[in-house]
């Protein structure tokens, strides 16, 4: 009986491994294709059809063209500036909101939580949001991409659940020793919530890094464009002539359509590099609150 159960489990595990391996390949291959295409000859890659596993006539002319372009470098700097300021404000505001609602003795806690949760399902609409930005003089400013998105209700609820799992006795002991709420939050609660904070950083970071819609809507000065807006223009316009400025005539043939592929890799690489450092926290952080004992 045990041998039958063991063989059944083995077959089930083998089946799962095969299915998950196929899904992993389906997810990885598009990124691999873009990477190989970006390292290939432009004219040859346009003529190629089918699966691409290795670069065709390898060269890095497309990457040279990308990094020589001032708009790409400007977009990188703008995106990093928006990202750093946004993450600091988002983590701070989300932590304060989650800490407030995780406390037991809060006046009108349930009505306030209901109103805030309601914003997840019913928004004010795009036009009123745009009018608010105009009335607050946040148009054509990076602050218009930072201040309205300082807190996410969904992320705050996840962080609130994490804070509630921390033993109350720690906060009570700190209160007896004279610690205030700010000291308790930053010295006790947040250090014990590193896994879920890593998840928050990943969620917020990916959202800010990939954001392009509101940037393309409220920014009129091209020098203020973040990287994703520049990438969108390159992909939609199908015109890489601006990107090839400063590239020698001998490299123009090799660049061709690979400019777009190289730009996608350059825009995606920072997030791909950051994920492994947060991965050890990710699984634990995302499961917080799933089960209450």
Protein backbone atom coordinates (compact mmCIF):
# COMPACT_ATOMS: atom_id res chain seq x y z
CA UNK A 1 0.00 0.00 0.00
CA UNK A 2 2.82 2.35 0.92
CA UNK A 3 4.65 1.53 -2.35
CA UNK A 4 1.52 2.38 -4.35
CA UNK A 5 1.11 5.68 -2.52
CA UNK A 6 4.80 6.44 -2.99
CA UNK A 7 4.67 5.74 -6.72
CA UNK A 8 1.49 7.83 -7.07
CA UNK A 9 3.17 10.77 -5.32
CA UNK A 10 6.24 10.40 -7.53
CA UNK A 11 4.14 10.43 -10.71
CA UNK A 12 2.23 13.45 -9.43
CA UNK A 13 5.47 15.29 -8.60
CA UNK A 14 6.94 14.41 -11.99
CA UNK A 15 3.82 15.70 -13.71
CA UNK A 16 3.99 18.95 -11.73
CA UNK A 17 7.68 19.39 -12.56
CA UNK A 18 6.99 18.94 -16.28
CA UNK A 19 4.08 21.40 -16.30
CA UNK A 20 5.91 24.01 -14.25
CA UNK A 21 9.05 23.62 -16.37
CA UNK A 22 7.02 24.28 -19.54
CA UNK A 23 5.39 27.34 -17.93
CA UNK A 24 8.81 28.60 -16.81
CA UNK A 25 10.17 28.26 -20.34
CA UNK A 26 7.15 30.11 -21.75
CA UNK A 27 7.82 32.96 -19.31
CA UNK A 28 11.58 33.08 -19.80
CA UNK A 29 11.74 32.70 -23.59
CA UNK A 30 10.30 36.15 -24.52
CA UNK A 31 12.97 37.83 -22.36
CA UNK A 32 15.64 35.54 -23.82
CA UNK A 33 14.45 36.33 -27.36
CA UNK A 34 14.64 40.09 -26.77
CA UNK A 35 18.12 39.73 -25.23
CA UNK A 36 19.42 37.62 -28.15
CA UNK A 37 17.79 39.92 -30.72
CA UNK A 38 19.39 42.97 -29.09
CA UNK A 39 22.82 41.35 -29.57
CA UNK A 40 22.17 40.41 -33.20
CA UNK A 41 22.70 42.12 -36.53
CA UNK A 42 19.73 44.40 -37.28
CA UNK A 43 19.17 43.39 -40.90
CA UNK A 44 19.61 39.68 -40.22
CA UNK A 45 17.24 39.71 -37.25
CA UNK A 46 14.55 41.32 -39.44
CA UNK A 47 14.90 38.45 -41.92
CA UNK A 48 14.90 35.79 -39.21
CA UNK A 49 11.73 33.86 -38.39
CA UNK A 50 11.12 31.16 -35.84
CA UNK A 51 12.83 30.36 -32.57
CA UNK A 52 15.90 32.41 -31.64
CA UNK A 53 18.24 30.79 -29.12
CA UNK A 54 21.52 32.54 -29.95
CA UNK A 55 22.42 35.95 -31.39
CA UNK A 56 22.86 36.23 -35.15
CA UNK A 57 26.23 37.79 -36.00
CA UNK A 58 26.72 39.07 -32.41
CA UNK A 59 27.56 42.70 -31.74
CA UNK A 60 26.82 45.37 -29.13
CA UNK A 61 26.25 48.28 -31.52
CA UNK A 62 22.64 48.65 -30.37
CA UNK A 63 23.70 49.06 -26.73
CA UNK A 64 26.35 51.59 -27.71
CA UNK A 65 23.66 53.58 -29.52
CA UNK A 66 21.32 53.35 -26.53
CA UNK A 67 23.85 54.58 -23.98
CA UNK A 68 25.06 57.35 -26.27
CA UNK A 69 21.54 58.73 -26.53
CA UNK A 70 20.99 61.63 -24.12
CA UNK A 71 17.24 60.97 -23.80
CA UNK A 72 17.86 57.46 -22.44
CA UNK A 73 20.34 58.72 -19.85
CA UNK A 74 17.98 61.58 -18.93
CA UNK A 75 15.10 59.10 -18.63
CA UNK A 76 17.17 56.88 -16.35
CA UNK A 77 18.05 59.76 -14.05
CA UNK A 78 14.44 60.97 -13.94
CA UNK A 79 13.14 57.48 -13.20
CA UNK A 80 15.70 56.89 -10.43
CA UNK A 81 14.84 60.27 -8.89
CA UNK A 82 11.10 59.52 -8.95
CA UNK A 83 11.69 55.97 -7.70
CA UNK A 84 13.84 56.89 -4.69
CA UNK A 85 11.59 59.72 -3.49
CA UNK A 86 8.44 57.66 -4.11
CA UNK A 87 9.70 54.61 -2.22
CA UNK A 88 10.73 56.67 0.80
CA UNK A 89 7.34 58.42 0.99
CA UNK A 90 5.31 55.31 0.11
CA UNK A 91 6.93 53.05 2.70
CA UNK A 92 6.72 55.79 5.35
CA UNK A 93 3.06 56.67 4.72
CA UNK A 94 1.98 53.05 4.31
CA UNK A 95 3.77 52.07 7.54
CA UNK A 96 2.16 54.92 9.51
CA UNK A 97 -1.31 54.09 8.16
CA UNK A 98 -0.90 50.36 8.81
CA UNK A 99 0.41 50.98 12.33
CA UNK A 100 -2.52 53.28 13.12
CA UNK A 101 -5.13 50.72 12.06
CA UNK A 102 -3.30 47.82 13.72
CA UNK A 103 -3.73 49.35 17.18
CA UNK A 104 -6.62 48.21 19.37
CA UNK A 105 -7.78 51.50 20.86
CA UNK A 106 -8.48 53.65 17.81
CA UNK A 107 -11.54 55.91 17.70
CA UNK A 108 -13.85 55.21 14.70
CA UNK A 109 -11.47 52.50 13.52
CA UNK A 110 -14.04 50.41 11.63
CA UNK A 111 -15.81 53.29 9.82
CA UNK A 112 -12.48 54.80 8.78
CA UNK A 113 -11.20 51.44 7.57
CA UNK A 114 -14.42 50.91 5.61
CA UNK A 115 -14.11 54.29 3.89
CA UNK A 116 -10.46 53.70 3.00
CA UNK A 117 -11.15 50.18 1.73
CA UNK A 118 -13.99 51.54 -0.41
CA UNK A 119 -11.46 53.52 -2.45
CA UNK A 120 -10.09 50.20 -3.75
CA UNK A 121 -13.36 49.55 -5.55
CA UNK A 122 -14.74 53.02 -6.27
CA UNK A 123 -12.34 55.64 -7.60
CA UNK A 124 -12.95 59.32 -8.27
CA UNK A 125 -12.32 58.89 -11.98
CA UNK A 126 -9.56 59.96 -14.33
CA UNK A 127 -10.87 63.43 -15.20
CA UNK A 128 -11.39 64.57 -11.55
CA UNK A 129 -7.93 63.21 -10.75
CA UNK A 130 -6.45 65.23 -13.62
CA UNK A 131 -8.32 68.35 -12.48
CA UNK A 132 -6.97 67.88 -8.95
CA UNK A 133 -3.43 67.76 -10.31
CA UNK A 134 -4.05 70.99 -12.21
CA UNK A 135 -5.58 72.79 -9.23
CA UNK A 136 -2.66 71.72 -7.03
CA UNK A 137 -0.16 73.00 -9.64
CA UNK A 138 1.39 69.56 -10.06
CA UNK A 139 1.32 69.58 -13.86
CA UNK A 140 4.65 69.22 -15.65
CA UNK A 141 6.29 68.29 -12.36
CA UNK A 142 7.71 65.05 -11.00
CA UNK A 143 5.78 65.72 -7.79
CA UNK A 144 2.62 65.04 -9.77
CA UNK A 145 3.88 61.46 -10.18
CA UNK A 146 4.89 61.12 -6.53
CA UNK A 147 2.44 62.80 -4.14
CA UNK A 148 -0.87 61.31 -5.43
CA UNK A 149 0.53 57.76 -5.21
CA UNK A 150 2.11 57.86 -1.77
CA UNK A 151 -0.09 55.11 -0.36
CA UNK A 152 -1.86 52.04 -1.67
CA UNK A 153 -4.85 50.74 0.29
CA UNK A 154 -4.09 47.17 -0.72
CA UNK A 155 -0.48 47.39 0.47
CA UNK A 156 -1.55 49.12 3.67
CA UNK A 157 -3.96 46.27 4.49
CA UNK A 158 -1.19 43.69 3.91
CA UNK A 159 1.19 45.63 6.16
CA UNK A 160 -1.55 46.12 8.76
CA UNK A 161 -2.07 42.35 8.90
CA UNK A 162 1.66 41.88 9.40
CA UNK A 163 1.75 44.40 12.25
CA UNK A 164 -1.18 42.70 13.94
CA UNK A 165 0.75 39.41 14.00
CA UNK A 166 3.48 40.96 16.17
CA UNK A 167 2.89 40.17 19.88
CA UNK A 168 1.24 43.07 21.70
CA UNK A 169 3.43 42.40 24.72
CA UNK A 170 6.43 43.91 22.90
CA UNK A 171 4.63 47.21 22.38
CA UNK A 172 3.30 47.19 25.93
CA UNK A 173 6.77 46.59 27.35
CA UNK A 174 8.13 49.45 25.26
CA UNK A 175 5.33 51.73 26.45
CA UNK A 176 6.18 50.90 30.07
CA UNK A 177 9.80 51.89 29.36
CA UNK A 178 8.58 55.25 28.06
CA UNK A 179 8.65 54.68 24.30
CA UNK A 180 6.12 56.56 22.21
CA UNK A 181 4.30 55.35 19.10
CA UNK A 182 6.98 56.64 16.71
CA UNK A 183 9.73 54.85 18.67
CA UNK A 184 7.68 51.64 18.80
CA UNK A 185 6.97 51.80 15.05
CA UNK A 186 10.53 52.41 13.90
CA UNK A 187 12.42 50.48 16.59
CA UNK A 188 10.20 47.43 17.13
CA UNK A 189 7.43 46.99 14.57
CA UNK A 190 9.28 47.76 11.32
CA UNK A 191 12.45 45.73 12.12
CA UNK A 192 10.20 42.71 12.79
CA UNK A 193 8.38 43.22 9.48
CA UNK A 194 11.32 43.04 7.06
CA UNK A 195 9.81 40.28 4.87
CA UNK A 196 6.57 42.15 4.21
CA UNK A 197 8.46 45.44 3.79
CA UNK A 198 10.54 43.75 1.08
CA UNK A 199 7.29 42.80 -0.66
CA UNK A 200 6.08 46.40 -0.35
CA UNK A 201 9.33 47.67 -1.86
CA UNK A 202 8.94 45.25 -4.77
CA UNK A 203 5.27 46.12 -5.39
CA UNK A 204 5.82 49.86 -5.16
CA UNK A 205 9.13 49.76 -7.01
CA UNK A 206 7.78 47.84 -10.00
CA UNK A 207 4.74 50.12 -10.15
CA UNK A 208 6.85 53.29 -10.17
CA UNK A 209 9.47 51.92 -12.57
CA UNK A 210 6.88 50.73 -15.11
CA UNK A 211 4.60 53.76 -14.79
CA UNK A 212 4.17 55.70 -18.03
CA UNK A 213 0.52 56.75 -18.39
CA UNK A 214 0.36 59.68 -15.98
CA UNK A 215 3.90 60.72 -16.89
CA UNK A 216 2.91 61.00 -20.55
CA UNK A 217 -0.28 62.82 -19.52
CA UNK A 218 1.00 65.53 -17.19
CA UNK A 219 4.58 66.05 -18.39
CA UNK A 220 5.10 68.36 -21.36
CA UNK A 221 8.84 68.94 -20.98
CA UNK A 222 10.63 66.05 -22.72
CA UNK A 223 13.68 66.47 -20.49
CA UNK A 224 11.49 65.40 -17.54
CA UNK A 225 10.27 62.18 -19.17
CA UNK A 226 10.93 58.96 -17.21
CA UNK A 227 12.48 56.00 -18.99
CA UNK A 228 9.24 54.14 -19.72
CA UNK A 229 7.73 57.10 -21.60
CA UNK A 230 10.83 57.30 -23.81
CA UNK A 231 10.68 53.53 -24.36
CA UNK A 232 7.01 53.77 -25.32
CA UNK A 233 7.75 56.51 -27.87
CA UNK A 234 10.51 54.42 -29.44
CA UNK A 235 8.32 51.30 -29.69
CA UNK A 236 5.23 53.12 -31.01
CA UNK A 237 6.93 55.47 -33.44
CA UNK A 238 8.99 52.64 -34.97
CA UNK A 239 11.62 55.33 -35.65
CA UNK A 240 15.13 54.72 -34.35
CA UNK A 241 16.84 57.50 -36.29
CA UNK A 242 17.16 59.62 -33.15
CA UNK A 243 18.79 56.72 -31.31
CA UNK A 244 21.44 56.22 -34.00
CA UNK A 245 22.85 59.72 -33.62
CA UNK A 246 26.55 59.45 -32.84
CA UNK A 247 26.80 55.90 -34.23
CA UNK A 248 29.37 55.41 -36.96
CA UNK A 249 28.12 54.64 -40.47
CA UNK A 250 29.76 51.22 -40.32
CA UNK A 251 27.61 50.27 -37.32
CA UNK A 252 24.31 51.51 -38.70
CA UNK A 253 23.64 48.27 -40.56
CA UNK A 254 24.27 46.26 -37.42
CA UNK A 255 22.00 48.47 -35.29
CA UNK A 256 18.76 48.58 -37.30
CA UNK A 257 15.76 47.18 -35.45
CA UNK A 258 17.90 45.90 -32.56
CA UNK A 259 17.71 49.40 -31.03
CA UNK A 260 14.20 48.66 -29.77
CA UNK A 261 15.21 45.34 -28.28
CA UNK A 262 18.24 46.86 -26.57
CA UNK A 263 16.11 49.67 -25.13
CA UNK A 264 13.66 47.13 -23.66
CA UNK A 265 16.53 45.23 -22.01
CA UNK A 266 18.07 48.42 -20.62
CA UNK A 267 14.70 49.49 -19.21
CA UNK A 268 13.95 46.08 -17.67
CA UNK A 269 17.37 45.09 -16.33
CA UNK A 270 17.33 47.06 -13.02
CA UNK A 271 14.11 45.38 -11.84
CA UNK A 272 15.41 41.94 -12.89
CA UNK A 273 18.62 42.57 -10.94
CA UNK A 274 16.80 43.82 -7.84
CA UNK A 275 14.41 40.85 -7.56
CA UNK A 276 17.00 38.18 -6.48
CA UNK A 277 18.02 40.32 -3.49
CA UNK A 278 14.39 40.50 -2.33
CA UNK A 279 13.47 36.92 -3.20
CA UNK A 280 14.42 35.46 0.21
CA UNK A 281 11.86 37.79 1.84
CA UNK A 282 9.26 37.54 -0.90
CA UNK A 283 7.67 34.13 -0.18
CA UNK A 284 7.50 34.70 3.58
CA UNK A 285 6.22 38.27 3.20
CA UNK A 286 3.51 37.47 0.69
CA UNK A 287 2.12 34.66 2.89
CA UNK A 288 1.73 36.88 5.95
CA UNK A 289 -1.90 37.11 6.89
CA UNK A 290 -2.93 34.17 4.72
CA UNK A 291 -3.46 31.97 7.79
CA UNK A 292 -4.31 33.06 11.32
CA UNK A 293 -3.59 30.68 14.13
